Amino acid sequence: MDIDKEKLHDLVGVLAAAKVHEEIARFQRIEAEEAIAALIPSRETGQATVSFDDGTSVTVKRGLNYKADFEKMEKKCLELGCYAPIKHKTTAELDSVNYELYRINDPENFHALSEFVSATPKKVAVSMRAKK
């Protein structure tokens, strides 16, 4: 397969420029969001909306992220005789490596299991490195 290196090089340049513009836009967006949030007061959790005459509106939502030492919390709740506010989750996911091993080593079982699995293509990843 012949690769049009000139066209590819041009596209890599476009990609590099787009990444720079994207980073600048991200910085500007974050800066604007922080400035807007500073101008619109609201509680620690909740939201506030400001509407403009042209129909545009802006909403600021605030909230809290929590981290906890679950083990210590559960012990303390046992001492206090109270309910520990902890959700226990169990998740399951396909072990894709072992699933693919069925394809190679046990095609019959792979075929039987494949009726329960759907596969969609991942987003194509393109990486580049600028010359130093």
Protein backbone atom coordinates (compact mmCIF):
# COMPACT_ATOMS: atom_id res chain seq x y z
CA MET A 1 0.00 0.00 0.00
CA ASP A 2 1.41 3.37 -1.02
CA ILE A 3 0.93 6.20 1.42
CA ASP A 4 0.69 9.75 0.11
CA LYS A 5 3.23 11.15 2.57
CA GLU A 6 2.85 14.73 1.37
CA LYS A 7 -0.89 14.71 1.95
CA LEU A 8 -0.41 12.87 5.24
CA HIS A 9 2.18 15.43 6.39
CA ASP A 10 -0.22 18.28 5.52
CA LEU A 11 -3.00 16.60 7.50
CA VAL A 12 -0.70 16.09 10.48
CA GLY A 13 0.02 19.84 10.35
CA VAL A 14 -3.72 20.56 10.31
CA LEU A 15 -4.16 18.20 13.28
CA ALA A 16 -1.36 19.88 15.21
CA ALA A 17 -2.84 23.35 14.61
CA ALA A 18 -6.32 22.12 15.59
CA LYS A 19 -4.95 20.71 18.85
CA VAL A 20 -3.37 24.08 19.68
CA HIS A 21 -6.64 25.90 18.89
CA GLU A 22 -8.57 23.33 20.93
CA GLU A 23 -6.31 23.87 23.95
CA ILE A 24 -6.67 27.66 23.66
CA ALA A 25 -10.46 27.32 23.35
CA ARG A 26 -10.57 25.01 26.38
CA PHE A 27 -8.59 27.51 28.44
CA GLN A 28 -10.86 30.36 27.31
CA ARG A 29 -14.00 28.32 28.05
CA ILE A 30 -12.84 27.47 31.56
CA GLU A 31 -11.85 31.08 32.21
CA ALA A 32 -15.27 32.31 31.00
CA GLU A 33 -17.13 29.67 33.08
CA GLU A 34 -15.24 30.68 36.22
CA ALA A 35 -15.94 34.38 35.60
CA ILE A 36 -19.65 33.69 34.98
CA ALA A 37 -19.88 31.54 38.12
CA ALA A 38 -18.28 34.35 40.14
CA LEU A 39 -20.99 36.78 38.93
CA ILE A 40 -23.97 34.54 39.71
CA PRO A 41 -24.38 33.82 43.41
CA SER A 42 -26.09 30.65 44.58
CA ARG A 43 -26.00 28.18 47.45
CA GLU A 44 -23.18 25.68 47.87
CA THR A 45 -25.38 23.12 46.16
CA GLY A 46 -28.10 23.99 43.68
CA GLN A 47 -28.42 26.18 40.65
CA ALA A 48 -29.20 29.73 39.63
CA THR A 49 -30.28 30.97 36.20
CA VAL A 50 -30.06 34.46 34.71
CA SER A 51 -32.14 35.23 31.60
CA PHE A 52 -31.48 38.00 29.10
CA ASP A 53 -33.90 40.04 26.99
CA ASP A 54 -32.80 38.28 23.79
CA GLY A 55 -33.92 34.90 25.16
CA THR A 56 -30.43 33.75 26.10
CA SER A 57 -29.98 32.35 29.57
CA VAL A 58 -27.09 31.08 31.63
CA THR A 59 -27.33 28.60 34.49
CA VAL A 60 -24.70 27.97 37.13
CA LYS A 61 -24.92 24.64 38.93
CA ARG A 62 -22.92 24.00 42.05
CA GLY A 63 -22.45 20.81 43.96
CA LEU A 64 -20.10 18.84 46.14
CA ASN A 65 -17.96 15.80 45.44
CA TYR A 66 -17.56 13.50 48.40
CA LYS A 67 -14.80 11.10 49.36
CA ALA A 68 -15.00 8.93 52.44
CA ASP A 69 -13.03 6.34 54.35
CA PHE A 70 -15.76 3.70 54.20
CA GLU A 71 -14.08 1.29 56.58
CA LYS A 72 -13.75 3.91 59.33
CA MET A 73 -17.24 5.23 58.65
CA GLU A 74 -18.75 1.75 58.99
CA LYS A 75 -16.88 1.18 62.28
CA LYS A 76 -18.08 4.53 63.65
CA CYS A 77 -21.65 3.77 62.63
CA LEU A 78 -21.44 0.43 64.44
CA GLU A 79 -20.25 2.28 67.57
CA LEU A 80 -23.02 4.87 67.27
CA GLY A 81 -25.70 2.38 66.29
CA CYS A 82 -26.57 4.31 63.14
CA TYR A 83 -26.93 3.41 59.48
CA ALA A 84 -23.76 3.87 57.39
CA PRO A 85 -24.66 5.98 54.34
CA ILE A 86 -22.69 3.80 51.94
CA LYS A 87 -23.89 2.29 48.67
CA HIS A 88 -22.34 -1.03 47.81
CA LYS A 89 -22.19 -1.66 44.07
CA THR A 90 -21.45 -4.79 42.16
CA THR A 91 -20.61 -4.42 38.51
CA ALA A 92 -19.95 -6.90 35.77
CA GLU A 93 -18.15 -6.37 32.51
CA LEU A 94 -17.04 -8.61 29.70
CA ASP A 95 -13.49 -9.89 30.05
CA SER A 96 -12.64 -9.14 26.43
CA VAL A 97 -9.18 -10.76 26.58
CA ASN A 98 -10.57 -14.11 27.68
CA TYR A 99 -13.54 -13.74 25.33
CA GLU A 100 -11.09 -13.35 22.43
CA LEU A 101 -9.16 -16.39 23.68
CA TYR A 102 -12.33 -18.39 23.10
CA ARG A 103 -12.25 -17.22 19.47
CA ILE A 104 -8.72 -18.61 19.09
CA ASN A 105 -8.78 -21.69 21.31
CA ASP A 106 -12.42 -22.78 21.40
CA PRO A 107 -14.33 -21.54 18.33
CA GLU A 108 -17.38 -23.68 19.11
CA ASN A 109 -17.92 -22.12 22.53
CA PHE A 110 -17.00 -18.71 21.15
CA HIS A 111 -19.79 -19.05 18.62
CA ALA A 112 -22.23 -20.13 21.33
CA LEU A 113 -21.30 -17.18 23.56
CA SER A 114 -21.16 -14.62 20.78
CA GLU A 115 -24.95 -14.43 20.58
CA PHE A 116 -24.85 -12.58 23.92
CA VAL A 117 -22.18 -10.09 22.88
CA SER A 118 -22.41 -7.11 20.58
CA ALA A 119 -19.32 -5.34 19.34
CA THR A 120 -19.02 -1.87 17.89
CA PRO A 121 -15.88 -0.22 16.56
CA LYS A 122 -13.97 2.01 18.95
CA LYS A 123 -13.27 5.59 17.99
CA VAL A 124 -10.17 5.61 15.85
CA ALA A 125 -7.24 6.97 17.81
CA VAL A 126 -4.71 9.18 16.05
CA SER A 127 -1.62 10.28 17.91
CA MET A 128 1.21 12.45 16.75
CA ARG A 129 4.49 13.69 18.03
CA ALA A 130 5.94 17.01 16.96
CA LYS A 131 9.55 17.10 15.91
CA LYS A 132 11.88 18.46 18.55
